């Protein structure tokens, strides 16, 4: 089957009446769009596709535009290198060529996802011991980037489903190019979902540790404040400048003051300890000793056997 591949919008070609309205809309509207767009009709589909994940938050974004039919393939904005590689394979239909073009583009994505994996693994290794406060920013950057990866690859999966909808009488699974694109999409999304779970786990762990550390700091400050309360309180009393104060003339007034301060400090410390407010915040139920458990189990077995 002979078909034509067009790669420039200014090429003047004859378009069948079946595609005329859609082609006009695509050429006038979608080729200037900066978002992903997929439109499916009977025996053809067209739209726009974001090509580079790095530019999802930048302007201008790199957008590829496509118009796929049984008779011709029209692509605008796709890299010439990928188009030349696919054209050299001389596919029998434009549908095969289009999906092979998508597969070639996704093969490039694997290099980027491998670089992301290296940074993710490095960040996971750094999550030991004391980490700087800026580490949370690193986690948020990783989370934002993996979301951009997902937003980039999901339209490729939609194009696989859109092709089956547009060309109902063709079993696309019999086309090698379609199967290759499908396998690469599935592999990319599997990696992305795995890394998303890793980043979410890192975020939860960092948040939990931050909260736990904050509680430990607040507990320490509270205990310190409670223990220094007698010093502050009695210091305020004996620091008053009244002329008549009962302890001023006593020979052991200074020692008496220190004894009172130490006594109340010890009483507060004992009270906090009995309330279990000093020490680790994590308290697990106490377990009986191993030997005691074994003795109890043996005694139960003996009682059962005697019965």
C-alpha atoms as a PDB file:
ATOM      1  CA  UNK A   1       0.000   0.000   0.000  1.00  0.00           C
ATOM      2  CA  UNK A   2       1.387   3.399  -1.010  1.00  0.00           C
ATOM      3  CA  UNK A   3       1.056   6.253   1.442  1.00  0.00           C
ATOM      4  CA  UNK A   4       2.686   9.633   2.087  1.00  0.00           C
ATOM      5  CA  UNK A   5       4.378  11.101   5.145  1.00  0.00           C
ATOM      6  CA  UNK A   6       4.224  14.886   5.473  1.00  0.00           C
ATOM      7  CA  UNK A   7       6.386  16.727   8.016  1.00  0.00           C
ATOM      8  CA  UNK A   8       5.764  20.423   7.310  1.00  0.00           C
ATOM      9  CA  UNK A   9       2.537  22.429   7.631  1.00  0.00           C
ATOM     10  CA  UNK A  10       3.222  24.541   4.551  1.00  0.00           C
ATOM     11  CA  UNK A  11       3.117  21.597   2.168  1.00  0.00           C
ATOM     12  CA  UNK A  12       0.164  21.881  -0.181  1.00  0.00           C
ATOM     13  CA  UNK A  13      -1.505  18.503  -0.601  1.00  0.00           C
ATOM     14  CA  UNK A  14      -4.883  17.223  -1.676  1.00  0.00           C
ATOM     15  CA  UNK A  15      -6.921  16.107   1.323  1.00  0.00           C
ATOM     16  CA  UNK A  16      -9.908  13.851   0.833  1.00  0.00           C
ATOM     17  CA  UNK A  17     -13.294  15.295   1.728  1.00  0.00           C
ATOM     18  CA  UNK A  18     -13.530  12.723   4.525  1.00  0.00           C
ATOM     19  CA  UNK A  19     -10.659  14.511   6.320  1.00  0.00           C
ATOM     20  CA  UNK A  20     -11.127  18.080   5.044  1.00  0.00           C
ATOM     21  CA  UNK A  21     -12.973  19.567   8.027  1.00  0.00           C
ATOM     22  CA  UNK A  22     -10.804  17.844  10.628  1.00  0.00           C
ATOM     23  CA  UNK A  23      -7.647  18.725   8.709  1.00  0.00           C
ATOM     24  CA  UNK A  24      -8.593  22.423   8.589  1.00  0.00           C
ATOM     25  CA  UNK A  25      -9.323  22.479  12.311  1.00  0.00           C
ATOM     26  CA  UNK A  26      -6.088  20.626  13.076  1.00  0.00           C
ATOM     27  CA  UNK A  27      -3.942  22.875  10.911  1.00  0.00           C
ATOM     28  CA  UNK A  28      -5.486  26.148  12.120  1.00  0.00           C
ATOM     29  CA  UNK A  29      -6.024  25.375  15.792  1.00  0.00           C
ATOM     30  CA  UNK A  30      -4.151  22.360  17.120  1.00  0.00           C
ATOM     31  CA  UNK A  31      -0.804  23.063  15.458  1.00  0.00           C
ATOM     32  CA  UNK A  32      -0.621  26.235  17.543  1.00  0.00           C
ATOM     33  CA  UNK A  33      -1.766  24.554  20.761  1.00  0.00           C
ATOM     34  CA  UNK A  34       0.593  24.081  23.692  1.00  0.00           C
ATOM     35  CA  UNK A  35      -1.251  21.247  25.416  1.00  0.00           C
ATOM     36  CA  UNK A  36      -1.818  17.561  24.765  1.00  0.00           C
ATOM     37  CA  UNK A  37      -4.894  16.918  22.652  1.00  0.00           C
ATOM     38  CA  UNK A  38      -6.216  13.643  21.195  1.00  0.00           C
ATOM     39  CA  UNK A  39      -9.222  13.585  18.870  1.00  0.00           C
ATOM     40  CA  UNK A  40     -10.539  10.270  17.530  1.00  0.00           C
ATOM     41  CA  UNK A  41     -12.745   9.892  14.492  1.00  0.00           C
ATOM     42  CA  UNK A  42     -13.699   6.961  12.286  1.00  0.00           C
ATOM     43  CA  UNK A  43     -10.585   5.748  10.413  1.00  0.00           C
ATOM     44  CA  UNK A  44      -8.337   8.598  11.609  1.00  0.00           C
ATOM     45  CA  UNK A  45      -7.138  10.503  14.651  1.00  0.00           C
ATOM     46  CA  UNK A  46      -5.248  13.753  15.189  1.00  0.00           C
ATOM     47  CA  UNK A  47      -4.053  16.097  17.900  1.00  0.00           C
ATOM     48  CA  UNK A  48      -1.002  17.360  19.798  1.00  0.00           C
ATOM     49  CA  UNK A  49       1.468  15.695  22.135  1.00  0.00           C
ATOM     50  CA  UNK A  50       3.960  17.013  24.675  1.00  0.00           C
ATOM     51  CA  UNK A  51       7.355  15.622  23.705  1.00  0.00           C
ATOM     52  CA  UNK A  52       9.808  16.613  26.462  1.00  0.00           C
ATOM     53  CA  UNK A  53       9.076  16.004  30.132  1.00  0.00           C
ATOM     54  CA  UNK A  54      11.725  18.552  31.152  1.00  0.00           C
ATOM     55  CA  UNK A  55       9.678  21.373  29.640  1.00  0.00           C
ATOM     56  CA  UNK A  56       6.316  20.682  31.247  1.00  0.00           C
ATOM     57  CA  UNK A  57       6.838  23.667  33.554  1.00  0.00           C
ATOM     58  CA  UNK A  58       8.648  25.860  31.037  1.00  0.00           C
ATOM     59  CA  UNK A  59       7.621  28.051  28.150  1.00  0.00           C
ATOM     60  CA  UNK A  60       7.587  27.463  25.303  1.00  0.00           C
ATOM     61  CA  UNK A  61       6.952  23.740  25.537  1.00  0.00           C
ATOM     62  CA  UNK A  62       7.994  21.364  22.780  1.00  0.00           C
ATOM     63  CA  UNK A  63       4.825  20.038  21.188  1.00  0.00           C
ATOM     64  CA  UNK A  64       4.448  17.479  18.406  1.00  0.00           C
ATOM     65  CA  UNK A  65       1.365  17.501  16.180  1.00  0.00           C
ATOM     66  CA  UNK A  66       0.055  14.461  14.303  1.00  0.00           C
ATOM     67  CA  UNK A  67      -2.660  13.479  11.841  1.00  0.00           C
ATOM     68  CA  UNK A  68      -2.900   9.714  11.275  1.00  0.00           C
ATOM     69  CA  UNK A  69      -5.101   8.135   8.603  1.00  0.00           C
ATOM     70  CA  UNK A  70      -5.063   5.012   6.453  1.00  0.00           C
ATOM     71  CA  UNK A  71      -3.717   7.045   3.526  1.00  0.00           C
ATOM     72  CA  UNK A  72      -1.155   9.436   4.960  1.00  0.00           C
ATOM     73  CA  UNK A  73       0.721  10.467   8.084  1.00  0.00           C
ATOM     74  CA  UNK A  74       1.275  14.120   8.917  1.00  0.00           C
ATOM     75  CA  UNK A  75       3.653  15.022  11.758  1.00  0.00           C
ATOM     76  CA  UNK A  76       4.845  18.469  12.761  1.00  0.00           C
ATOM     77  CA  UNK A  77       7.375  19.220  15.487  1.00  0.00           C
ATOM     78  CA  UNK A  78       8.773  15.701  15.904  1.00  0.00           C
ATOM     79  CA  UNK A  79      12.566  15.387  15.809  1.00  0.00           C
ATOM     80  CA  UNK A  80      13.936  14.822  12.321  1.00  0.00           C
ATOM     81  CA  UNK A  81      16.254  12.108  13.649  1.00  0.00           C
ATOM     82  CA  UNK A  82      13.363   9.946  14.838  1.00  0.00           C
ATOM     83  CA  UNK A  83      11.424  10.547  11.621  1.00  0.00           C
ATOM     84  CA  UNK A  84      14.409   9.471   9.532  1.00  0.00           C
ATOM     85  CA  UNK A  85      14.897   6.303  11.583  1.00  0.00           C
ATOM     86  CA  UNK A  86      11.247   5.327  11.177  1.00  0.00           C
ATOM     87  CA  UNK A  87      11.099   6.283   7.490  1.00  0.00           C
ATOM     88  CA  UNK A  88      14.067   4.032   6.739  1.00  0.00           C
ATOM     89  CA  UNK A  89      12.045   1.007   7.911  1.00  0.00           C
ATOM     90  CA  UNK A  90       9.521   1.553   5.069  1.00  0.00           C
ATOM     91  CA  UNK A  91       6.376   0.468   6.850  1.00  0.00           C
ATOM     92  CA  UNK A  92       3.405  -0.651   4.796  1.00  0.00           C
ATOM     93  CA  UNK A  93       0.910   1.623   6.586  1.00  0.00           C
ATOM     94  CA  UNK A  94       1.102   5.073   8.209  1.00  0.00           C
ATOM     95  CA  UNK A  95      -0.390   3.589  11.366  1.00  0.00           C
ATOM     96  CA  UNK A  96       2.677   1.384  11.875  1.00  0.00           C
ATOM     97  CA  UNK A  97       5.004   4.278  11.173  1.00  0.00           C
ATOM     98  CA  UNK A  98       3.231   6.495  13.688  1.00  0.00           C
ATOM     99  CA  UNK A  99       3.398   3.974  16.515  1.00  0.00           C
ATOM    100  CA  UNK A 100       7.022   3.201  15.747  1.00  0.00           C
ATOM    101  CA  UNK A 101       7.694   6.942  15.976  1.00  0.00           C
ATOM    102  CA  UNK A 102       6.125   6.928  19.430  1.00  0.00           C
ATOM    103  CA  UNK A 103       8.207   3.891  20.397  1.00  0.00           C
ATOM    104  CA  UNK A 104      11.420   5.635  19.299  1.00  0.00           C
ATOM    105  CA  UNK A 105      10.513   8.682  21.354  1.00  0.00           C
ATOM    106  CA  UNK A 106       9.792   6.570  24.431  1.00  0.00           C
ATOM    107  CA  UNK A 107      13.131   4.817  24.055  1.00  0.00           C
ATOM    108  CA  UNK A 108      14.705   8.221  24.654  1.00  0.00           C
ATOM    109  CA  UNK A 109      12.654   8.612  27.852  1.00  0.00           C
ATOM    110  CA  UNK A 110      14.361   5.606  29.422  1.00  0.00           C
ATOM    111  CA  UNK A 111      17.619   7.569  29.597  1.00  0.00           C
ATOM    112  CA  UNK A 112      15.882  10.305  31.558  1.00  0.00           C
ATOM    113  CA  UNK A 113      14.136   7.887  33.907  1.00  0.00           C
ATOM    114  CA  UNK A 114      17.478   6.185  34.608  1.00  0.00           C
ATOM    115  CA  UNK A 115      18.974   9.532  35.643  1.00  0.00           C
ATOM    116  CA  UNK A 116      15.988  10.110  37.889  1.00  0.00           C
ATOM    117  CA  UNK A 117      16.495   6.688  39.458  1.00  0.00           C
ATOM    118  CA  UNK A 118      20.122   7.529  40.303  1.00  0.00           C
ATOM    119  CA  UNK A 119      19.088  10.718  42.100  1.00  0.00           C
ATOM    120  CA  UNK A 120      16.294   8.879  43.891  1.00  0.00           C
ATOM    121  CA  UNK A 121      18.644   6.126  45.099  1.00  0.00           C
ATOM    122  CA  UNK A 122      21.166   8.731  46.234  1.00  0.00           C
ATOM    123  CA  UNK A 123      18.488  10.546  48.227  1.00  0.00           C
ATOM    124  CA  UNK A 124      17.377   7.283  49.831  1.00  0.00           C
ATOM    125  CA  UNK A 125      20.948   6.553  50.942  1.00  0.00           C
ATOM    126  CA  UNK A 126      21.163  10.030  52.472  1.00  0.00           C
ATOM    127  CA  UNK A 127      18.149   9.303  54.675  1.00  0.00           C
ATOM    128  CA  UNK A 128      20.277   8.059  57.566  1.00  0.00           C
ATOM    129  CA  UNK A 129      21.587   9.893  60.561  1.00  0.00           C
ATOM    130  CA  UNK A 130      21.100  13.637  60.727  1.00  0.00           C
ATOM    131  CA  UNK A 131      20.038  15.247  57.456  1.00  0.00           C
ATOM    132  CA  UNK A 132      19.977  18.990  56.678  1.00  0.00           C
ATOM    133  CA  UNK A 133      16.657  20.870  56.674  1.00  0.00           C
ATOM    134  CA  UNK A 134      17.010  21.394  52.918  1.00  0.00           C
ATOM    135  CA  UNK A 135      16.566  17.654  52.389  1.00  0.00           C
ATOM    136  CA  UNK A 136      12.777  18.048  52.386  1.00  0.00           C
ATOM    137  CA  UNK A 137      13.128  20.343  49.366  1.00  0.00           C
ATOM    138  CA  UNK A 138      14.990  17.559  47.575  1.00  0.00           C
ATOM    139  CA  UNK A 139      12.158  15.131  48.282  1.00  0.00           C
ATOM    140  CA  UNK A 140       9.565  17.615  47.038  1.00  0.00           C
ATOM    141  CA  UNK A 141      11.586  18.157  43.858  1.00  0.00           C
ATOM    142  CA  UNK A 142      11.729  14.403  43.255  1.00  0.00           C
ATOM    143  CA  UNK A 143       8.000  14.126  43.830  1.00  0.00           C
ATOM    144  CA  UNK A 144       7.252  16.976  41.442  1.00  0.00           C
ATOM    145  CA  UNK A 145       9.498  15.512  38.761  1.00  0.00           C
ATOM    146  CA  UNK A 146       7.974  12.031  38.903  1.00  0.00           C
ATOM    147  CA  UNK A 147       4.535  13.600  38.542  1.00  0.00           C
ATOM    148  CA  UNK A 148       5.767  15.360  35.404  1.00  0.00           C
ATOM    149  CA  UNK A 149       7.000  12.012  34.115  1.00  0.00           C
ATOM    150  CA  UNK A 150       3.545  10.530  34.672  1.00  0.00           C
ATOM    151  CA  UNK A 151       1.852  13.445  32.897  1.00  0.00           C
ATOM    152  CA  UNK A 152       4.208  12.943  29.948  1.00  0.00           C
ATOM    153  CA  UNK A 153       3.780   9.182  29.468  1.00  0.00           C
ATOM    154  CA  UNK A 154       0.032   8.848  30.146  1.00  0.00           C
ATOM    155  CA  UNK A 155      -0.907  10.480  26.788  1.00  0.00           C
ATOM    156  CA  UNK A 156       1.142   7.786  25.016  1.00  0.00           C
ATOM    157  CA  UNK A 157      -1.021   5.121  26.636  1.00  0.00           C
ATOM    158  CA  UNK A 158      -4.106   7.075  25.587  1.00  0.00           C
ATOM    159  CA  UNK A 159      -2.834   7.110  22.003  1.00  0.00           C
ATOM    160  CA  UNK A 160      -2.565   3.325  22.105  1.00  0.00           C
ATOM    161  CA  UNK A 161      -6.209   3.078  23.142  1.00  0.00           C
ATOM    162  CA  UNK A 162      -7.265   5.796  20.700  1.00  0.00           C
ATOM    163  CA  UNK A 163      -5.750   3.832  17.814  1.00  0.00           C
ATOM    164  CA  UNK A 164      -7.927   0.819  18.584  1.00  0.00           C
ATOM    165  CA  UNK A 165     -10.950   3.102  18.706  1.00  0.00           C
ATOM    166  CA  UNK A 166     -10.138   4.857  15.414  1.00  0.00           C
ATOM    167  CA  UNK A 167      -9.278   1.740  13.405  1.00  0.00           C
ATOM    168  CA  UNK A 168     -11.834  -0.770  14.620  1.00  0.00           C
ATOM    169  CA  UNK A 169     -11.388  -3.258  11.784  1.00  0.00           C
ATOM    170  CA  UNK A 170      -7.627  -3.527  12.312  1.00  0.00           C
ATOM    171  CA  UNK A 171      -6.115  -5.737  14.990  1.00  0.00           C
ATOM    172  CA  UNK A 172      -3.342  -3.393  16.059  1.00  0.00           C
ATOM    173  CA  UNK A 173      -1.829  -6.059  18.303  1.00  0.00           C
ATOM    174  CA  UNK A 174      -0.684  -7.825  15.150  1.00  0.00           C
ATOM    175  CA  UNK A 175       1.505  -4.834  14.248  1.00  0.00           C
ATOM    176  CA  UNK A 176       5.035  -5.078  15.640  1.00  0.00           C
ATOM    177  CA  UNK A 177       5.333  -1.312  15.929  1.00  0.00           C
ATOM    178  CA  UNK A 178       2.147  -1.098  17.982  1.00  0.00           C
ATOM    179  CA  UNK A 179       3.227  -3.911  20.309  1.00  0.00           C
ATOM    180  CA  UNK A 180       6.650  -2.293  20.757  1.00  0.00           C
ATOM    181  CA  UNK A 181       5.061   1.032  21.684  1.00  0.00           C
ATOM    182  CA  UNK A 182       2.690  -0.735  24.068  1.00  0.00           C
ATOM    183  CA  UNK A 183       5.496  -2.639  25.815  1.00  0.00           C
ATOM    184  CA  UNK A 184       7.550   0.519  26.243  1.00  0.00           C
ATOM    185  CA  UNK A 185       4.590   2.469  27.605  1.00  0.00           C
ATOM    186  CA  UNK A 186       3.840  -0.310  30.099  1.00  0.00           C
ATOM    187  CA  UNK A 187       7.480  -0.508  31.152  1.00  0.00           C
ATOM    188  CA  UNK A 188       7.756   3.254  31.601  1.00  0.00           C
ATOM    189  CA  UNK A 189       4.544   3.467  33.617  1.00  0.00           C
ATOM    190  CA  UNK A 190       5.613   0.524  35.779  1.00  0.00           C
ATOM    191  CA  UNK A 191       8.837   2.338  36.630  1.00  0.00           C
ATOM    192  CA  UNK A 192       7.028   5.613  37.220  1.00  0.00           C
ATOM    193  CA  UNK A 193       4.466   4.007  39.543  1.00  0.00           C
ATOM    194  CA  UNK A 194       7.257   2.274  41.476  1.00  0.00           C
ATOM    195  CA  UNK A 195       9.209   5.505  41.884  1.00  0.00           C
ATOM    196  CA  UNK A 196       6.051   7.348  42.893  1.00  0.00           C
ATOM    197  CA  UNK A 197       5.555   4.842  45.702  1.00  0.00           C
ATOM    198  CA  UNK A 198       9.194   5.271  46.765  1.00  0.00           C
ATOM    199  CA  UNK A 199       8.898   9.055  46.852  1.00  0.00           C
ATOM    200  CA  UNK A 200       5.618   8.901  48.779  1.00  0.00           C
ATOM    201  CA  UNK A 201       7.252   6.533  51.291  1.00  0.00           C
ATOM    202  CA  UNK A 202      10.219   8.920  51.622  1.00  0.00           C
ATOM    203  CA  UNK A 203       7.852  11.855  52.145  1.00  0.00           C
ATOM    204  CA  UNK A 204       5.865  10.001  54.805  1.00  0.00           C
ATOM    205  CA  UNK A 205       9.011   8.835  56.572  1.00  0.00           C
ATOM    206  CA  UNK A 206      10.591  12.294  56.543  1.00  0.00           C
ATOM    207  CA  UNK A 207       7.354  13.844  57.796  1.00  0.00           C
ATOM    208  CA  UNK A 208       6.999  11.247  60.556  1.00  0.00           C
ATOM    209  CA  UNK A 209      10.593  11.697  61.676  1.00  0.00           C
ATOM    210  CA  UNK A 210      10.213  15.480  61.629  1.00  0.00           C
ATOM    211  CA  UNK A 211       7.085  15.297  63.774  1.00  0.00           C
ATOM    212  CA  UNK A 212       8.719  12.833  66.165  1.00  0.00           C
ATOM    213  CA  UNK A 213      11.817  14.999  66.432  1.00  0.00           C
ATOM    214  CA  UNK A 214       9.663  18.067  67.027  1.00  0.00           C
ATOM    215  CA  UNK A 215       7.792  16.272  69.801  1.00  0.00           C
ATOM    216  CA  UNK A 216      11.099  15.241  71.390  1.00  0.00           C
ATOM    217  CA  UNK A 217      12.331  18.843  71.324  1.00  0.00           C
ATOM    218  CA  UNK A 218       9.084  20.166  72.796  1.00  0.00           C
ATOM    219  CA  UNK A 219       9.200  17.484  75.478  1.00  0.00           C
ATOM    220  CA  UNK A 220      12.779  18.400  76.375  1.00  0.00           C
ATOM    221  CA  UNK A 221      11.925  22.105  76.584  1.00  0.00           C
ATOM    222  CA  UNK A 222       8.872  21.363  78.713  1.00  0.00           C
ATOM    223  CA  UNK A 223      10.869  19.194  81.123  1.00  0.00           C
ATOM    224  CA  UNK A 224      13.611  21.812  81.320  1.00  0.00           C
ATOM    225  CA  UNK A 225      11.051  24.519  82.081  1.00  0.00           C
ATOM    226  CA  UNK A 226       9.408  22.383  84.756  1.00  0.00           C
ATOM    227  CA  UNK A 227      12.715  21.555  86.459  1.00  0.00           C
ATOM    228  CA  UNK A 228      13.854  25.187  86.527  1.00  0.00           C
ATOM    229  CA  UNK A 229      10.544  26.428  87.895  1.00  0.00           C
ATOM    230  CA  UNK A 230      11.625  26.144  91.602  1.00  0.00           C
ATOM    231  CA  UNK A 231      14.778  28.153  90.898  1.00  0.00           C
ATOM    232  CA  UNK A 232      12.804  30.892  89.190  1.00  0.00           C
ATOM    233  CA  UNK A 233      10.000  30.921  91.721  1.00  0.00           C
ATOM    234  CA  UNK A 234      12.122  30.980  94.887  1.00  0.00           C
ATOM    235  CA  UNK A 235      14.633  33.327  93.255  1.00  0.00           C
ATOM    236  CA  UNK A 236      11.807  35.758  92.625  1.00  0.00           C
ATOM    237  CA  UNK A 237      10.665  35.520  96.254  1.00  0.00           C
ATOM    238  CA  UNK A 238      14.074  35.947  97.849  1.00  0.00           C
ATOM    239  CA  UNK A 239      15.052  38.601  95.362  1.00  0.00           C
ATOM    240  CA  UNK A 240      12.461  41.044  96.688  1.00  0.00           C
ATOM    241  CA  UNK A 241      13.743  44.184  98.434  1.00  0.00           C
ATOM    242  CA  UNK A 242      11.506  44.192 101.509  1.00  0.00           C
ATOM    243  CA  UNK A 243      13.085  45.455 104.720  1.00  0.00           C
ATOM    244  CA  UNK A 244      11.451  42.779 106.840  1.00  0.00           C
ATOM    245  CA  UNK A 245      12.205  39.306 105.436  1.00  0.00           C
ATOM    246  CA  UNK A 246      12.333  36.337 107.831  1.00  0.00           C
ATOM    247  CA  UNK A 247      15.298  34.539 106.247  1.00  0.00           C
ATOM    248  CA  UNK A 248      17.680  37.497 106.014  1.00  0.00           C
ATOM    249  CA  UNK A 249      18.854  37.337 109.633  1.00  0.00           C
ATOM    250  CA  UNK A 250      19.127  33.556 109.857  1.00  0.00           C
ATOM    251  CA  UNK A 251      22.698  32.173 109.833  1.00  0.00           C
ATOM    252  CA  UNK A 252      21.729  29.235 107.612  1.00  0.00           C
ATOM    253  CA  UNK A 253      19.301  31.142 105.392  1.00  0.00           C
ATOM    254  CA  UNK A 254      21.436  30.687 102.248  1.00  0.00           C
ATOM    255  CA  UNK A 255      21.759  26.923 102.816  1.00  0.00           C
ATOM    256  CA  UNK A 256      18.043  26.716 103.620  1.00  0.00           C
ATOM    257  CA  UNK A 257      17.180  28.428 100.319  1.00  0.00           C
ATOM    258  CA  UNK A 258      19.305  25.985  98.307  1.00  0.00           C
ATOM    259  CA  UNK A 259      17.839  22.991 100.117  1.00  0.00           C
ATOM    260  CA  UNK A 260      14.301  24.159  99.371  1.00  0.00           C
ATOM    261  CA  UNK A 261      15.134  24.726  95.683  1.00  0.00           C
ATOM    262  CA  UNK A 262      16.814  21.308  95.324  1.00  0.00           C
ATOM    263  CA  UNK A 263      14.012  19.572  97.188  1.00  0.00           C
ATOM    264  CA  UNK A 264      11.277  20.988  94.972  1.00  0.00           C
ATOM    265  CA  UNK A 265      13.335  20.284  91.852  1.00  0.00           C
ATOM    266  CA  UNK A 266      13.727  16.633  92.872  1.00  0.00           C
ATOM    267  CA  UNK A 267      10.036  16.359  93.706  1.00  0.00           C
ATOM    268  CA  UNK A 268       9.090  17.673  90.248  1.00  0.00           C
ATOM    269  CA  UNK A 269      11.562  15.295  88.579  1.00  0.00           C
ATOM    270  CA  UNK A 270      10.189  12.298  90.502  1.00  0.00           C
ATOM    271  CA  UNK A 271       6.635  13.314  89.625  1.00  0.00           C
ATOM    272  CA  UNK A 272       7.486  13.609  85.907  1.00  0.00           C
ATOM    273  CA  UNK A 273       9.222  10.248  85.957  1.00  0.00           C
ATOM    274  CA  UNK A 274       6.298   8.521  87.657  1.00  0.00           C
ATOM    275  CA  UNK A 275       4.012  10.015  85.014  1.00  0.00           C
ATOM    276  CA  UNK A 276       6.397   8.565  82.410  1.00  0.00           C
ATOM    277  CA  UNK A 277       6.917  12.005  80.847  1.00  0.00           C
ATOM    278  CA  UNK A 278      10.701  11.662  80.942  1.00  0.00           C
ATOM    279  CA  UNK A 279      12.296   9.308  78.454  1.00  0.00           C
ATOM    280  CA  UNK A 280      11.298   8.024  75.055  1.00  0.00           C
ATOM    281  CA  UNK A 281       7.881   8.868  73.676  1.00  0.00           C
ATOM    282  CA  UNK A 282       7.609   5.404  72.217  1.00  0.00           C
ATOM    283  CA  UNK A 283       6.387   2.966  74.825  1.00  0.00           C
ATOM    284  CA  UNK A 284       5.616  -0.652  73.972  1.00  0.00           C
ATOM    285  CA  UNK A 285       3.762  -3.113  76.200  1.00  0.00           C
ATOM    286  CA  UNK A 286       6.132  -4.995  78.448  1.00  0.00           C
ATOM    287  CA  UNK A 287       6.592  -8.640  77.507  1.00  0.00           C
ATOM    288  CA  UNK A 288       7.290 -11.432  80.007  1.00  0.00           C
ATOM    289  CA  UNK A 289      10.734 -12.900  79.895  1.00  0.00           C
ATOM    290  CA  UNK A 290      11.403 -15.742  77.538  1.00  0.00           C
ATOM    291  CA  UNK A 291      12.125 -18.240  80.329  1.00  0.00           C
ATOM    292  CA  UNK A 292       8.938 -17.322  82.121  1.00  0.00           C
ATOM    293  CA  UNK A 293       6.913 -17.823  78.955  1.00  0.00           C
ATOM    294  CA  UNK A 294       8.530 -21.238  78.429  1.00  0.00           C
ATOM    295  CA  UNK A 295       7.790 -22.289  82.010  1.00  0.00           C
ATOM    296  CA  UNK A 296       4.136 -21.278  81.633  1.00  0.00           C
ATOM    297  CA  UNK A 297       3.810 -23.153  78.353  1.00  0.00           C
ATOM    298  CA  UNK A 298       5.352 -26.278  79.896  1.00  0.00           C
ATOM    299  CA  UNK A 299       3.045 -26.101  82.887  1.00  0.00           C
ATOM    300  CA  UNK A 300       0.021 -25.809  80.583  1.00  0.00           C
ATOM    301  CA  UNK A 301       1.124 -28.852  78.589  1.00  0.00           C
ATOM    302  CA  UNK A 302       1.665 -30.840  81.805  1.00  0.00           C
ATOM    303  CA  UNK A 303      -1.800 -29.972  83.095  1.00  0.00           C
ATOM    304  CA  UNK A 304      -3.404 -30.967  79.791  1.00  0.00           C
ATOM    305  CA  UNK A 305      -1.552 -34.306  79.676  1.00  0.00           C
ATOM    306  CA  UNK A 306      -2.539 -35.139  83.266  1.00  0.00           C
ATOM    307  CA  UNK A 307      -6.186 -34.523  82.420  1.00  0.00           C
END
